[in-house]
Amino acid sequence: MQNHNFITTHALLHIKNMVSNSCIKVVREELQRTGFIQVVNVQLGEAEINYDAQVVSLAVINTILQRNGFELIQDNSAKLVELIKKVVIEHVFYGANSSSLIRNSDYLSERLGHPYPYLSKLFSEATSSTLEKYVILIKIEKIKELITYDEHSLSEIAYMMGYSSVQYLSNQFKQITGFTVSEYKSHGAKDRKSLSSLL
């Protein structure tokens, strides 16, 4: 941050479409590049910053983010929906096999401090999907990743992802992707989707 006299404004930005560690890196770098924004912390879905409000407005910050496929969220309901997405992605992709140990609904309620029916209703009203279907779509993308890496058996993947059986995982995988697991391994492995495109 450049040294000059200004009034520092502190803000916690809620950001749409941040779905991976590479998104965190891009947001951090793009905000710092201005020279007028000090990035305190960045994680999925949010950035804590100090900035010179006389030089950089939130509209300018939003423009910087939009150039990179992100967007500031200002509405409280929209913030909570993005937070739901963030928590689902963190739980499924970075949760160290916790999907098999904790029911998704309990985990979301505990993390977000709202009853699951409230979160589910809000999510359905704000998106084109139910929360349950969104969780399944995220899990399927993680399963695709695990299949592609070929480091675990299908039984291990089923356990890791919280499925009661390989058959249940296989049926759901085919229903969502149109491929059986073996077809995906041999033909469809390039069919992975960006997490931000799932809704």
Protein backbone atom coordinates (compact mmCIF):
# COMPACT_ATOMS: atom_id res chain seq x y z
CA MET A 1 0.00 0.00 0.00
CA GLN A 2 1.38 3.42 -0.87
CA ASN A 3 2.25 5.78 1.94
CA HIS A 4 0.11 8.88 1.77
CA ASN A 5 -2.31 10.65 4.08
CA PHE A 6 -5.83 9.33 3.84
CA ILE A 7 -8.64 8.00 5.96
CA THR A 8 -8.53 4.22 5.99
CA THR A 9 -11.84 2.43 5.54
CA HIS A 10 -12.07 -1.13 6.82
CA ALA A 11 -14.44 -3.51 5.02
CA LEU A 12 -15.39 -7.15 4.89
CA LEU A 13 -16.33 -7.82 1.27
CA HIS A 14 -18.67 -10.68 0.42
CA ILE A 15 -17.75 -11.95 -3.02
CA LYS A 16 -19.72 -14.12 -5.43
CA ASN A 17 -18.17 -16.99 -7.44
CA MET A 18 -15.12 -17.61 -5.22
CA VAL A 19 -15.01 -21.39 -5.24
CA SER A 20 -11.38 -22.50 -5.03
CA ASN A 21 -7.95 -21.71 -3.65
CA SER A 22 -6.96 -20.24 -7.02
CA CYS A 23 -9.87 -17.78 -6.68
CA ILE A 24 -8.45 -16.67 -3.33
CA LYS A 25 -5.07 -16.03 -5.00
CA VAL A 26 -6.60 -14.05 -7.89
CA VAL A 27 -8.73 -11.85 -5.60
CA ARG A 28 -5.77 -11.13 -3.31
CA GLU A 29 -3.46 -10.24 -6.20
CA GLU A 30 -5.99 -8.11 -8.08
CA LEU A 31 -6.96 -6.06 -5.03
CA GLN A 32 -3.34 -5.52 -3.97
CA ARG A 33 -2.35 -4.50 -7.50
CA THR A 34 -4.28 -1.22 -7.14
CA GLY A 35 -1.74 0.08 -4.59
CA PHE A 36 -4.57 1.60 -2.57
CA ILE A 37 -6.02 -1.56 -1.05
CA GLN A 38 -4.40 -3.42 1.82
CA VAL A 39 -5.61 -7.02 1.91
CA VAL A 40 -5.90 -8.23 5.51
CA ASN A 41 -7.35 -11.68 4.78
CA VAL A 42 -8.98 -13.57 1.90
CA GLN A 43 -10.93 -16.82 2.09
CA LEU A 44 -13.63 -18.46 0.01
CA GLY A 45 -16.42 -15.94 -0.50
CA GLU A 46 -14.91 -12.97 1.32
CA ALA A 47 -12.02 -10.55 1.61
CA GLU A 48 -11.16 -8.33 4.56
CA ILE A 49 -9.49 -5.12 3.39
CA ASN A 50 -8.40 -1.63 4.35
CA TYR A 51 -8.63 0.94 1.57
CA ASP A 52 -8.56 4.62 0.79
CA ALA A 53 -12.22 5.47 0.18
CA GLN A 54 -11.25 8.83 -1.37
CA VAL A 55 -9.30 7.03 -4.08
CA VAL A 56 -11.03 3.65 -4.44
CA SER A 57 -14.80 3.21 -4.12
CA LEU A 58 -16.71 -0.03 -3.66
CA ALA A 59 -17.93 0.43 -7.25
CA VAL A 60 -14.31 0.44 -8.45
CA ILE A 61 -13.54 -2.61 -6.31
CA ASN A 62 -16.58 -4.36 -7.82
CA THR A 63 -15.32 -3.52 -11.34
CA ILE A 64 -11.93 -5.06 -10.50
CA LEU A 65 -13.65 -8.19 -9.24
CA GLN A 66 -16.03 -8.41 -12.22
CA ARG A 67 -13.09 -8.32 -14.64
CA ASN A 68 -12.01 -11.59 -13.06
CA GLY A 69 -15.42 -13.29 -12.91
CA PHE A 70 -16.32 -12.29 -9.36
CA GLU A 71 -18.85 -9.82 -7.95
CA LEU A 72 -19.53 -7.97 -4.71
CA ILE A 73 -22.65 -9.08 -2.85
CA GLN A 74 -24.48 -6.38 -0.93
CA ASP A 75 -27.90 -7.94 -0.21
CA ASN A 76 -28.05 -9.89 3.10
CA SER A 77 -30.01 -12.82 1.67
CA ALA A 78 -27.60 -13.05 -1.27
CA LYS A 79 -24.68 -12.97 1.19
CA LEU A 80 -26.16 -15.89 3.11
CA VAL A 81 -26.75 -17.88 -0.09
CA GLU A 82 -23.10 -17.37 -1.11
CA LEU A 83 -22.04 -18.34 2.39
CA ILE A 84 -24.09 -21.54 2.08
CA LYS A 85 -22.28 -22.33 -1.19
CA LYS A 86 -18.92 -21.58 0.41
CA VAL A 87 -19.59 -23.86 3.39
CA VAL A 88 -20.84 -26.70 1.14
CA ILE A 89 -17.72 -26.46 -1.06
CA GLU A 90 -15.40 -26.29 1.95
CA HIS A 91 -17.14 -29.26 3.56
CA VAL A 92 -17.13 -31.45 0.45
CA PHE A 93 -13.76 -30.47 -1.07
CA TYR A 94 -11.63 -29.62 1.96
CA GLY A 95 -13.39 -31.36 4.85
CA ALA A 96 -10.93 -34.24 5.35
CA ASN A 97 -13.55 -36.97 4.84
CA SER A 98 -15.97 -35.31 7.26
CA SER A 99 -18.81 -35.83 4.77
CA SER A 100 -19.01 -39.43 5.91
CA LEU A 101 -19.26 -38.46 9.56
CA ILE A 102 -21.64 -35.51 9.67
CA ARG A 103 -25.00 -35.08 7.97
CA ASN A 104 -24.84 -32.13 5.58
CA SER A 105 -27.94 -30.52 7.11
CA ASP A 106 -26.51 -30.64 10.65
CA TYR A 107 -23.15 -29.33 9.47
CA LEU A 108 -24.70 -26.38 7.59
CA SER A 109 -26.97 -25.45 10.50
CA GLU A 110 -24.08 -25.52 12.93
CA ARG A 111 -21.71 -23.53 10.71
CA LEU A 112 -24.25 -20.90 9.65
CA GLY A 113 -26.27 -20.55 12.85
CA HIS A 114 -29.66 -21.05 11.18
CA PRO A 115 -32.05 -24.03 11.11
CA TYR A 116 -31.62 -26.15 7.99
CA PRO A 117 -35.25 -25.62 6.80
CA TYR A 118 -34.63 -21.85 6.79
CA LEU A 119 -31.37 -22.22 4.85
CA SER A 120 -33.00 -24.64 2.41
CA LYS A 121 -35.98 -22.35 1.76
CA LEU A 122 -33.76 -19.28 1.28
CA PHE A 123 -31.49 -21.18 -1.10
CA SER A 124 -34.40 -22.45 -3.21
CA GLU A 125 -35.93 -18.96 -3.42
CA ALA A 126 -32.64 -17.35 -4.47
CA THR A 127 -31.40 -19.95 -6.97
CA SER A 128 -32.70 -22.33 -9.59
CA SER A 129 -31.93 -25.32 -7.37
CA THR A 130 -32.78 -26.89 -4.06
CA LEU A 131 -30.01 -26.94 -1.47
CA GLU A 132 -30.09 -30.75 -1.45
CA LYS A 133 -29.51 -30.87 -5.22
CA TYR A 134 -26.69 -28.31 -4.95
CA VAL A 135 -24.93 -30.46 -2.33
CA ILE A 136 -25.27 -33.47 -4.66
CA LEU A 137 -23.83 -31.52 -7.63
CA ILE A 138 -20.84 -30.43 -5.56
CA LYS A 139 -20.31 -34.00 -4.31
CA ILE A 140 -20.45 -35.34 -7.88
CA GLU A 141 -17.72 -32.87 -8.94
CA LYS A 142 -15.56 -34.04 -6.04
CA ILE A 143 -16.22 -37.66 -7.01
CA LYS A 144 -15.16 -36.87 -10.59
CA GLU A 145 -11.93 -35.42 -9.21
CA LEU A 146 -11.29 -38.50 -7.05
CA ILE A 147 -12.04 -40.87 -9.96
CA THR A 148 -9.66 -38.92 -12.21
CA TYR A 149 -6.84 -39.10 -9.64
CA ASP A 150 -7.38 -42.89 -9.40
CA GLU A 151 -5.91 -43.08 -5.87
CA HIS A 152 -8.95 -44.62 -4.13
CA SER A 153 -11.28 -47.52 -4.78
CA LEU A 154 -14.93 -46.77 -5.45
CA SER A 155 -15.76 -48.21 -2.02
CA GLU A 156 -13.35 -45.75 -0.40
CA ILE A 157 -14.80 -42.86 -2.40
CA ALA A 158 -18.34 -43.85 -1.40
CA TYR A 159 -17.32 -43.84 2.26
CA MET A 160 -15.41 -40.56 1.97
CA MET A 161 -18.36 -38.84 0.30
CA GLY A 162 -20.97 -40.12 2.76
CA TYR A 163 -22.75 -42.66 0.55
CA SER A 164 -24.23 -45.73 2.23
CA SER A 165 -23.08 -48.00 -0.62
CA VAL A 166 -21.16 -48.08 -3.89
CA GLN A 167 -24.46 -48.83 -5.65
CA TYR A 168 -26.05 -45.64 -4.29
CA LEU A 169 -23.07 -43.57 -5.40
CA SER A 170 -23.04 -45.25 -8.84
CA ASN A 171 -26.76 -44.67 -9.38
CA GLN A 172 -26.56 -41.01 -8.40
CA PHE A 173 -23.42 -40.48 -10.50
CA LYS A 174 -25.13 -41.91 -13.59
CA GLN A 175 -28.30 -39.88 -12.94
CA ILE A 176 -26.37 -36.58 -12.71
CA THR A 177 -23.62 -37.09 -15.31
CA GLY A 178 -25.20 -39.50 -17.78
CA PHE A 179 -22.13 -41.75 -17.43
CA THR A 180 -21.55 -44.86 -15.39
CA VAL A 181 -18.40 -44.58 -13.28
CA SER A 182 -16.49 -46.90 -15.65
CA GLU A 183 -17.68 -44.92 -18.71
CA TYR A 184 -16.54 -41.72 -17.02
CA LYS A 185 -13.12 -43.21 -16.34
CA SER A 186 -12.62 -44.19 -19.96
CA HIS A 187 -14.47 -41.46 -21.89
CA GLY A 188 -15.82 -38.62 -19.81
CA ALA A 189 -12.95 -37.58 -17.58
CA LYS A 190 -12.79 -34.19 -19.26
CA ASP A 191 -16.39 -33.52 -18.30
CA ARG A 192 -15.51 -31.75 -15.04
CA LYS A 193 -17.35 -28.49 -14.41
CA SER A 194 -16.35 -25.28 -12.71
CA LEU A 195 -18.01 -25.13 -9.29
CA SER A 196 -19.24 -21.59 -9.97
CA SER A 197 -21.15 -22.85 -13.03
CA LEU A 198 -23.25 -25.41 -11.15
CA LEU A 199 -26.15 -23.00 -10.55
